[in-house]
Each structure stands twice: as C-alpha cells, then as structure tokens.
PDB file of N, CA and C in Angstrom:
ATOM      1  N   MET A   1      17.916  -1.039   5.802  1.00  0.00           N
ATOM      2  CA  MET A   1      17.843  -2.530   5.408  1.00  0.00           C
ATOM      3  C   MET A   1      16.394  -2.733   4.987  1.00  0.00           C
ATOM      4  N   THR A   2      16.347  -3.458   3.867  1.00  0.00           N
ATOM      5  CA  THR A   2      15.006  -3.777   3.259  1.00  0.00           C
ATOM      6  C   THR A   2      14.872  -5.368   3.602  1.00  0.00           C
ATOM      7  N   VAL A   3      13.625  -5.656   3.795  1.00  0.00           N
ATOM      8  CA  VAL A   3      13.191  -6.811   4.112  1.00  0.00           C
ATOM      9  C   VAL A   3      11.938  -7.370   3.492  1.00  0.00           C
ATOM     10  N   SER A   4      12.123  -8.514   2.817  1.00  0.00           N
ATOM     11  CA  SER A   4      10.904  -8.789   1.789  1.00  0.00           C
ATOM     12  C   SER A   4       9.861  -9.595   2.746  1.00  0.00           C
ATOM     13  N   ALA A   5       8.792  -9.778   2.148  1.00  0.00           N
ATOM     14  CA  ALA A   5       7.716 -10.517   2.834  1.00  0.00           C
ATOM     15  C   ALA A   5       8.041 -11.868   3.057  1.00  0.00           C
ATOM     16  N   GLN A   6       8.659 -12.580   2.394  1.00  0.00           N
ATOM     17  CA  GLN A   6       9.245 -13.908   2.746  1.00  0.00           C
ATOM     18  C   GLN A   6      10.245 -13.893   4.105  1.00  0.00           C
ATOM     19  N   GLU A   7      10.947 -12.846   4.105  1.00  0.00           N
ATOM     20  CA  GLU A   7      12.004 -12.748   5.262  1.00  0.00           C
ATOM     21  C   GLU A   7      11.349 -12.363   6.603  1.00  0.00           C
ATOM     22  N   THR A   8      10.048 -11.805   6.574  1.00  0.00           N
ATOM     23  CA  THR A   8       9.567 -11.227   7.719  1.00  0.00           C
ATOM     24  C   THR A   8       9.147 -12.407   8.997  1.00  0.00           C
ATOM     25  N   LYS A   9       9.102 -13.512   8.386  1.00  0.00           N
ATOM     26  CA  LYS A   9       8.899 -14.439   9.299  1.00  0.00           C
ATOM     27  C   LYS A   9       9.995 -14.977  10.125  1.00  0.00           C
ATOM     28  N   GLU A  10      11.246 -14.689   9.547  1.00  0.00           N
ATOM     29  CA  GLU A  10      12.465 -14.893  10.130  1.00  0.00           C
ATOM     30  C   GLU A  10      13.223 -13.740  10.795  1.00  0.00           C
ATOM     31  N   PHE A  11      12.488 -12.577  10.658  1.00  0.00           N
ATOM     32  CA  PHE A  11      12.994 -11.328  11.049  1.00  0.00           C
ATOM     33  C   PHE A  11      12.790 -11.105  12.590  1.00  0.00           C
ATOM     34  N   GLU A  12      13.851 -10.873  13.363  1.00  0.00           N
ATOM     35  CA  GLU A  12      13.815 -10.906  14.759  1.00  0.00           C
ATOM     36  C   GLU A  12      14.318  -9.727  15.410  1.00  0.00           C
ATOM     37  N   ARG A  13      14.884  -8.779  14.622  1.00  0.00           N
ATOM     38  CA  ARG A  13      15.505  -7.517  15.232  1.00  0.00           C
ATOM     39  C   ARG A  13      14.321  -6.522  15.484  1.00  0.00           C
ATOM     40  N   GLU A  14      14.649  -5.535  16.363  1.00  0.00           N
ATOM     41  CA  GLU A  14      13.764  -4.400  16.464  1.00  0.00           C
ATOM     42  C   GLU A  14      13.481  -3.647  15.390  1.00  0.00           C
ATOM     43  N   VAL A  15      12.365  -3.019  15.158  1.00  0.00           N
ATOM     44  CA  VAL A  15      11.889  -2.407  13.977  1.00  0.00           C
ATOM     45  C   VAL A  15      11.720  -0.740  14.475  1.00  0.00           C
ATOM     46  N   ASP A  16      12.458   0.314  13.841  1.00  0.00           N
ATOM     47  CA  ASP A  16      11.971   1.398  14.281  1.00  0.00           C
ATOM     48  C   ASP A  16      11.304   2.313  13.366  1.00  0.00           C
ATOM     49  N   SER A  17      11.199   1.849  12.180  1.00  0.00           N
ATOM     50  CA  SER A  17      10.259   2.356  11.142  1.00  0.00           C
ATOM     51  C   SER A  17       9.814   1.397   9.907  1.00  0.00           C
ATOM     52  N   PHE A  18       8.661   1.528   9.477  1.00  0.00           N
ATOM     53  CA  PHE A  18       8.119   0.893   8.371  1.00  0.00           C
ATOM     54  C   PHE A  18       7.813   1.644   7.266  1.00  0.00           C
ATOM     55  N   ILE A  19       8.283   1.698   6.123  1.00  0.00           N
ATOM     56  CA  ILE A  19       7.749   2.671   5.043  1.00  0.00           C
ATOM     57  C   ILE A  19       7.453   1.618   3.927  1.00  0.00           C
ATOM     58  N   ASN A  20       6.276   2.072   3.454  1.00  0.00           N
ATOM     59  CA  ASN A  20       5.656   1.267   2.262  1.00  0.00           C
ATOM     60  C   ASN A  20       5.416   2.284   1.170  1.00  0.00           C
ATOM     61  N   CYS A  21       6.049   2.059  -0.040  1.00  0.00           N
ATOM     62  CA  CYS A  21       5.812   2.900  -1.217  1.00  0.00           C
ATOM     63  C   CYS A  21       5.423   2.167  -2.493  1.00  0.00           C
ATOM     64  N   ALA A  22       4.878   0.923  -2.174  1.00  0.00           N
ATOM     65  CA  ALA A  22       4.464   0.235  -3.308  1.00  0.00           C
ATOM     66  C   ALA A  22       3.039   0.478  -3.587  1.00  0.00           C
ATOM     67  N   GLY A  23       2.519   0.468  -4.797  1.00  0.00           N
ATOM     68  CA  GLY A  23       1.167   0.682  -5.040  1.00  0.00           C
ATOM     69  C   GLY A  23       0.998   0.741  -6.523  1.00  0.00           C
ATOM     70  N   ILE A  24      -0.357   0.532  -6.934  1.00  0.00           N
ATOM     71  CA  ILE A  24      -0.724   0.291  -8.463  1.00  0.00           C
ATOM     72  C   ILE A  24      -1.928   1.324  -8.753  1.00  0.00           C
ATOM     73  N   ALA A  25      -2.075   1.568  -9.953  1.00  0.00           N
ATOM     74  CA  ALA A  25      -3.311   2.346 -10.465  1.00  0.00           C
ATOM     75  C   ALA A  25      -3.786   1.744 -11.627  1.00  0.00           C
ATOM     76  N   VAL A  26      -4.882   1.440 -12.024  1.00  0.00           N
ATOM     77  CA  VAL A  26      -5.509   1.057 -13.143  1.00  0.00           C
ATOM     78  C   VAL A  26      -5.429   2.117 -14.312  1.00  0.00           C
ATOM     79  N   GLY A  27      -5.468   3.264 -14.045  1.00  0.00           N
ATOM     80  CA  GLY A  27      -5.393   4.173 -15.084  1.00  0.00           C
ATOM     81  C   GLY A  27      -6.527   4.591 -15.837  1.00  0.00           C
ATOM     82  N   LYS A  28      -7.704   4.327 -15.383  1.00  0.00           N
ATOM     83  CA  LYS A  28      -8.855   4.737 -15.932  1.00  0.00           C
ATOM     84  C   LYS A  28     -10.025   5.233 -15.010  1.00  0.00           C
ATOM     85  N   PRO A  29     -11.044   5.815 -15.498  1.00  0.00           N
ATOM     86  CA  PRO A  29     -12.139   6.333 -14.191  1.00  0.00           C
ATOM     87  C   PRO A  29     -12.514   5.095 -13.417  1.00  0.00           C
ATOM     88  N   ILE A  30     -12.666   5.558 -12.176  1.00  0.00           N
ATOM     89  CA  ILE A  30     -12.961   4.465 -11.278  1.00  0.00           C
ATOM     90  C   ILE A  30     -14.249   3.821 -11.445  1.00  0.00           C
ATOM     91  N   TRP A  31     -15.184   4.605 -11.959  1.00  0.00           N
ATOM     92  CA  TRP A  31     -16.404   3.785 -12.319  1.00  0.00           C
ATOM     93  C   TRP A  31     -16.387   2.783 -13.555  1.00  0.00           C
ATOM     94  N   GLU A  32     -15.194   2.635 -14.235  1.00  0.00           N
ATOM     95  CA  GLU A  32     -14.914   1.626 -15.328  1.00  0.00           C
ATOM     96  C   GLU A  32     -14.151   0.589 -14.763  1.00  0.00           C
ATOM     97  N   ASN A  33     -13.840   0.484 -13.475  1.00  0.00           N
ATOM     98  CA  ASN A  33     -12.871  -0.448 -13.010  1.00  0.00           C
ATOM     99  C   ASN A  33     -13.974  -1.875 -12.849  1.00  0.00           C
ATOM    100  N   SER A  34     -13.340  -2.932 -13.163  1.00  0.00           N
ATOM    101  CA  SER A  34     -14.216  -4.173 -12.905  1.00  0.00           C
ATOM    102  C   SER A  34     -14.053  -4.551 -11.411  1.00  0.00           C
ATOM    103  N   PRO A  35     -14.957  -5.454 -10.851  1.00  0.00           N
ATOM    104  CA  PRO A  35     -14.620  -5.869  -9.487  1.00  0.00           C
ATOM    105  C   PRO A  35     -13.339  -6.490  -9.283  1.00  0.00           C
ATOM    106  N   GLU A  36     -12.850  -7.112 -10.261  1.00  0.00           N
ATOM    107  CA  GLU A  36     -11.377  -7.761 -10.214  1.00  0.00           C
ATOM    108  C   GLU A  36     -10.441  -6.813  -9.948  1.00  0.00           C
ATOM    109  N   GLU A  37     -10.393  -5.619 -10.888  1.00  0.00           N
ATOM    110  CA  GLU A  37      -9.431  -4.609 -10.731  1.00  0.00           C
ATOM    111  C   GLU A  37      -9.551  -3.829  -9.436  1.00  0.00           C
ATOM    112  N   VAL A  38     -10.688  -3.812  -8.896  1.00  0.00           N
ATOM    113  CA  VAL A  38     -10.820  -3.011  -7.694  1.00  0.00           C
ATOM    114  C   VAL A  38     -10.300  -3.996  -6.583  1.00  0.00           C
ATOM    115  N   SER A  39     -10.448  -5.150  -6.719  1.00  0.00           N
ATOM    116  CA  SER A  39      -9.896  -6.028  -5.656  1.00  0.00           C
ATOM    117  C   SER A  39      -8.470  -6.175  -5.749  1.00  0.00           C
ATOM    118  N   ILE A  40      -7.772  -6.148  -7.021  1.00  0.00           N
ATOM    119  CA  ILE A  40      -6.347  -6.062  -7.011  1.00  0.00           C
ATOM    120  C   ILE A  40      -5.756  -4.699  -6.534  1.00  0.00           C
ATOM    121  N   LEU A  41      -6.536  -3.575  -6.726  1.00  0.00           N
ATOM    122  CA  LEU A  41      -5.994  -2.299  -6.309  1.00  0.00           C
ATOM    123  C   LEU A  41      -6.020  -2.231  -4.754  1.00  0.00           C
ATOM    124  N   MET A  42      -7.125  -2.836  -4.150  1.00  0.00           N
ATOM    125  CA  MET A  42      -7.328  -2.889  -2.627  1.00  0.00           C
ATOM    126  C   MET A  42      -6.260  -3.740  -2.009  1.00  0.00           C
ATOM    127  N   ASN A  43      -6.055  -4.859  -2.585  1.00  0.00           N
ATOM    128  CA  ASN A  43      -4.981  -5.806  -2.271  1.00  0.00           C
ATOM    129  C   ASN A  43      -3.644  -5.155  -2.092  1.00  0.00           C
ATOM    130  N   VAL A  44      -3.233  -4.620  -3.230  1.00  0.00           N
ATOM    131  CA  VAL A  44      -1.961  -4.093  -3.329  1.00  0.00           C
ATOM    132  C   VAL A  44      -1.703  -2.848  -2.437  1.00  0.00           C
ATOM    133  N   ASN A  45      -2.666  -1.990  -2.678  1.00  0.00           N
ATOM    134  CA  ASN A  45      -2.626  -0.681  -2.015  1.00  0.00           C
ATOM    135  C   ASN A  45      -3.051  -0.476  -0.535  1.00  0.00           C
ATOM    136  N   LEU A  46      -3.799  -1.442   0.114  1.00  0.00           N
ATOM    137  CA  LEU A  46      -4.292  -1.381   1.414  1.00  0.00           C
ATOM    138  C   LEU A  46      -3.936  -2.671   2.196  1.00  0.00           C
ATOM    139  N   ILE A  47      -4.551  -3.723   1.576  1.00  0.00           N
ATOM    140  CA  ILE A  47      -4.341  -5.034   2.397  1.00  0.00           C
ATOM    141  C   ILE A  47      -2.979  -5.513   2.593  1.00  0.00           C
ATOM    142  N   SER A  48      -2.202  -5.312   1.526  1.00  0.00           N
ATOM    143  CA  SER A  48      -0.658  -5.782   1.531  1.00  0.00           C
ATOM    144  C   SER A  48       0.052  -5.051   2.644  1.00  0.00           C
ATOM    145  N   PRO A  49      -0.092  -3.714   2.708  1.00  0.00           N
ATOM    146  CA  PRO A  49       0.629  -2.881   3.829  1.00  0.00           C
ATOM    147  C   PRO A  49       0.188  -3.343   5.256  1.00  0.00           C
ATOM    148  N   MET A  50      -1.022  -3.428   5.267  1.00  0.00           N
ATOM    149  CA  MET A  50      -1.672  -3.967   6.670  1.00  0.00           C
ATOM    150  C   MET A  50      -1.306  -5.169   7.107  1.00  0.00           C
ATOM    151  N   ALA A  51      -1.083  -6.144   6.071  1.00  0.00           N
ATOM    152  CA  ALA A  51      -0.634  -7.561   6.352  1.00  0.00           C
ATOM    153  C   ALA A  51       0.787  -7.531   6.806  1.00  0.00           C
ATOM    154  N   ALA A  52       1.595  -6.716   6.170  1.00  0.00           N
ATOM    155  CA  ALA A  52       3.066  -6.609   6.482  1.00  0.00           C
ATOM    156  C   ALA A  52       3.319  -6.019   7.911  1.00  0.00           C
ATOM    157  N   ILE A  53       2.488  -4.983   8.193  1.00  0.00           N
ATOM    158  CA  ILE A  53       2.498  -4.401   9.454  1.00  0.00           C
ATOM    159  C   ILE A  53       2.158  -5.475  10.556  1.00  0.00           C
ATOM    160  N   ALA A  54       1.086  -6.121  10.397  1.00  0.00           N
ATOM    161  CA  ALA A  54       0.583  -7.148  11.206  1.00  0.00           C
ATOM    162  C   ALA A  54       1.715  -8.194  11.462  1.00  0.00           C
ATOM    163  N   GLU A  55       2.501  -8.643  10.482  1.00  0.00           N
ATOM    164  CA  GLU A  55       3.488  -9.664  10.658  1.00  0.00           C
ATOM    165  C   GLU A  55       4.689  -9.156  11.508  1.00  0.00           C
ATOM    166  N   ILE A  56       4.916  -7.944  11.513  1.00  0.00           N
ATOM    167  CA  ILE A  56       6.196  -7.395  12.307  1.00  0.00           C
ATOM    168  C   ILE A  56       5.856  -6.506  13.509  1.00  0.00           C
ATOM    169  N   HIS A  57       4.643  -6.153  13.680  1.00  0.00           N
ATOM    170  CA  HIS A  57       4.259  -5.205  14.740  1.00  0.00           C
ATOM    171  C   HIS A  57       4.864  -5.516  16.145  1.00  0.00           C
ATOM    172  N   ARG A  58       5.016  -6.853  16.514  1.00  0.00           N
ATOM    173  CA  ARG A  58       5.725  -7.147  17.832  1.00  0.00           C
ATOM    174  C   ARG A  58       7.119  -6.766  17.865  1.00  0.00           C
ATOM    175  N   GLN A  59       7.736  -6.476  16.691  1.00  0.00           N
ATOM    176  CA  GLN A  59       9.182  -6.079  16.671  1.00  0.00           C
ATOM    177  C   GLN A  59       9.206  -4.421  16.833  1.00  0.00           C
ATOM    178  N   PHE A  60       8.086  -3.883  16.597  1.00  0.00           N
ATOM    179  CA  PHE A  60       8.258  -2.326  16.603  1.00  0.00           C
ATOM    180  C   PHE A  60       8.693  -1.902  17.909  1.00  0.00           C
ATOM    181  N   LYS A  61       9.760  -0.927  18.087  1.00  0.00           N
ATOM    182  CA  LYS A  61      10.209  -0.198  19.146  1.00  0.00           C
ATOM    183  C   LYS A  61       9.203   0.673  19.572  1.00  0.00           C
ATOM    184  N   LYS A  62       9.284   1.166  20.724  1.00  0.00           N
ATOM    185  CA  LYS A  62       8.261   2.169  21.290  1.00  0.00           C
ATOM    186  C   LYS A  62       8.528   3.212  20.447  1.00  0.00           C
ATOM    187  N   ASN A  63       7.526   3.957  20.142  1.00  0.00           N
ATOM    188  CA  ASN A  63       7.399   5.137  19.221  1.00  0.00           C
ATOM    189  C   ASN A  63       7.964   4.920  17.797  1.00  0.00           C
ATOM    190  N   SER A  64       7.828   3.857  17.346  1.00  0.00           N
ATOM    191  CA  SER A  64       8.211   3.387  15.875  1.00  0.00           C
ATOM    192  C   SER A  64       7.264   4.341  14.821  1.00  0.00           C
ATOM    193  N   THR A  65       7.812   4.431  13.648  1.00  0.00           N
ATOM    194  CA  THR A  65       7.183   5.208  12.799  1.00  0.00           C
ATOM    195  C   THR A  65       6.677   4.329  11.584  1.00  0.00           C
ATOM    196  N   ILE A  66       5.286   4.596  11.338  1.00  0.00           N
ATOM    197  CA  ILE A  66       4.703   3.851   9.935  1.00  0.00           C
ATOM    198  C   ILE A  66       4.496   4.901   9.013  1.00  0.00           C
ATOM    199  N   VAL A  67       4.923   4.706   7.709  1.00  0.00           N
ATOM    200  CA  VAL A  67       4.730   5.577   6.873  1.00  0.00           C
ATOM    201  C   VAL A  67       4.324   4.888   5.377  1.00  0.00           C
ATOM    202  N   LEU A  68       3.016   5.223   4.976  1.00  0.00           N
ATOM    203  CA  LEU A  68       2.382   4.595   4.034  1.00  0.00           C
ATOM    204  C   LEU A  68       2.134   5.748   2.926  1.00  0.00           C
ATOM    205  N   PHE A  69       3.044   5.567   1.693  1.00  0.00           N
ATOM    206  CA  PHE A  69       2.857   6.550   0.765  1.00  0.00           C
ATOM    207  C   PHE A  69       1.723   6.368  -0.133  1.00  0.00           C
ATOM    208  N   SER A  70       1.039   7.469  -0.664  1.00  0.00           N
ATOM    209  CA  SER A  70       0.068   7.365  -1.530  1.00  0.00           C
ATOM    210  C   SER A  70       0.647   8.164  -2.843  1.00  0.00           C
ATOM    211  N   SER A  71      -0.356   8.387  -3.759  1.00  0.00           N
ATOM    212  CA  SER A  71       0.176   9.101  -4.954  1.00  0.00           C
ATOM    213  C   SER A  71      -0.902   9.847  -5.466  1.00  0.00           C
ATOM    214  N   LYS A  72      -0.570  10.805  -6.359  1.00  0.00           N
ATOM    215  CA  LYS A  72      -1.654  11.547  -7.196  1.00  0.00           C
ATOM    216  C   LYS A  72      -2.368  10.622  -8.214  1.00  0.00           C
ATOM    217  N   SER A  73      -1.882   9.413  -8.372  1.00  0.00           N
ATOM    218  CA  SER A  73      -2.447   8.633  -9.548  1.00  0.00           C
ATOM    219  C   SER A  73      -3.864   8.427  -9.066  1.00  0.00           C
ATOM    220  N   ALA A  74      -4.348   8.653  -7.839  1.00  0.00           N
ATOM    221  CA  ALA A  74      -5.899   8.473  -7.551  1.00  0.00           C
ATOM    222  C   ALA A  74      -6.682   9.441  -8.365  1.00  0.00           C
ATOM    223  N   PHE A  75      -6.082  10.428  -8.850  1.00  0.00           N
ATOM    224  CA  PHE A  75      -6.883  11.387  -9.841  1.00  0.00           C
ATOM    225  C   PHE A  75      -6.567  11.284 -11.131  1.00  0.00           C
ATOM    226  N   SER A  76      -5.622  10.371 -11.677  1.00  0.00           N
ATOM    227  CA  SER A  76      -5.475  10.277 -12.985  1.00  0.00           C
ATOM    228  C   SER A  76      -6.512   9.201 -13.506  1.00  0.00           C
ATOM    229  N   GLY A  77      -6.933   9.553 -14.640  1.00  0.00           N
ATOM    230  CA  GLY A  77      -8.070   9.043 -15.315  1.00  0.00           C
ATOM    231  C   GLY A  77      -9.469   9.171 -14.871  1.00  0.00           C
ATOM    232  N   GLY A  78      -9.600   9.951 -13.742  1.00  0.00           N
ATOM    233  CA  GLY A  78     -10.835   9.979 -13.249  1.00  0.00           C
ATOM    234  C   GLY A  78     -11.341  11.435 -12.999  1.00  0.00           C
ATOM    235  N   TRP A  79     -10.748  12.213 -12.077  1.00  0.00           N
ATOM    236  CA  TRP A  79     -10.995  13.613 -12.028  1.00  0.00           C
ATOM    237  C   TRP A  79     -10.889  14.549 -13.233  1.00  0.00           C
ATOM    238  N   ASP A  80      -9.938  14.382 -13.940  1.00  0.00           N
ATOM    239  CA  ASP A  80      -9.832  15.277 -15.069  1.00  0.00           C
ATOM    240  C   ASP A  80     -11.085  14.915 -16.132  1.00  0.00           C
ATOM    241  N   ASP A  81     -11.437  13.660 -16.280  1.00  0.00           N
ATOM    242  CA  ASP A  81     -12.556  13.279 -17.103  1.00  0.00           C
ATOM    243  C   ASP A  81     -13.836  13.859 -16.633  1.00  0.00           C
ATOM    244  N   ILE A  82     -14.058  13.888 -15.237  1.00  0.00           N
ATOM    245  CA  ILE A  82     -15.488  14.497 -14.635  1.00  0.00           C
ATOM    246  C   ILE A  82     -15.308  15.882 -15.039  1.00  0.00           C
ATOM    247  N   GLN A  83     -14.186  16.760 -14.880  1.00  0.00           N
ATOM    248  CA  GLN A  83     -13.950  18.018 -15.096  1.00  0.00           C
ATOM    249  C   GLN A  83     -14.284  18.393 -16.676  1.00  0.00           C
ATOM    250  N   SER A  84     -13.995  17.659 -17.593  1.00  0.00           N
ATOM    251  CA  SER A  84     -14.040  17.794 -18.885  1.00  0.00           C
ATOM    252  C   SER A  84     -15.571  17.574 -19.441  1.00  0.00           C
ATOM    253  N   GLU A  85     -16.273  16.961 -18.614  1.00  0.00           N
ATOM    254  CA  GLU A  85     -17.667  16.734 -19.209  1.00  0.00           C
ATOM    255  C   GLU A  85     -18.550  17.925 -19.024  1.00  0.00           C
TER     256      GLU A  85
END
C-alpha cells in the first residue's frame, strides 16, 4: 500500500516497513551548486524522508524496517570531473 504525505495524518494502521526511493540530483559538480540547489537537494533527499518517518513512527510495529535508497548519482558530474583534471 502506498500512502502519500497528505494521507499520513489520517493513517492509523500499523506500519511494518517504510521505503523511500525518491531523490534528486543537480547533475553538476558539487562545488558549482548554489546554496538554493543545496537546500533543495537536502530537503528532498534527507529532510523529507526524515519528516515522513517522524509523522508515522508511532504506527511502526516492533522490529519495523526503514529503507532509504540512495543512488550513484552522487558521483555524476563530480567525481569523473575530478579524475579527468
């Protein structure tokens, strides 16, 4: 069952797992990111999953599982550029 952020306030069943695979990447070297881009990245990739977990943590069953996916995009546009210099 998929539950949107809007529905979490009304969600009252027990939760046995939370899986987050949403994320974004700017696609350029990290040192070229503006403060606004860094803020957007942190909000989508870190703060939002934490906020979602905070909303539903009381419904977690004992021994529930939390899975936060990351991706190789952290290396895109940065690591290869460093190696080629």
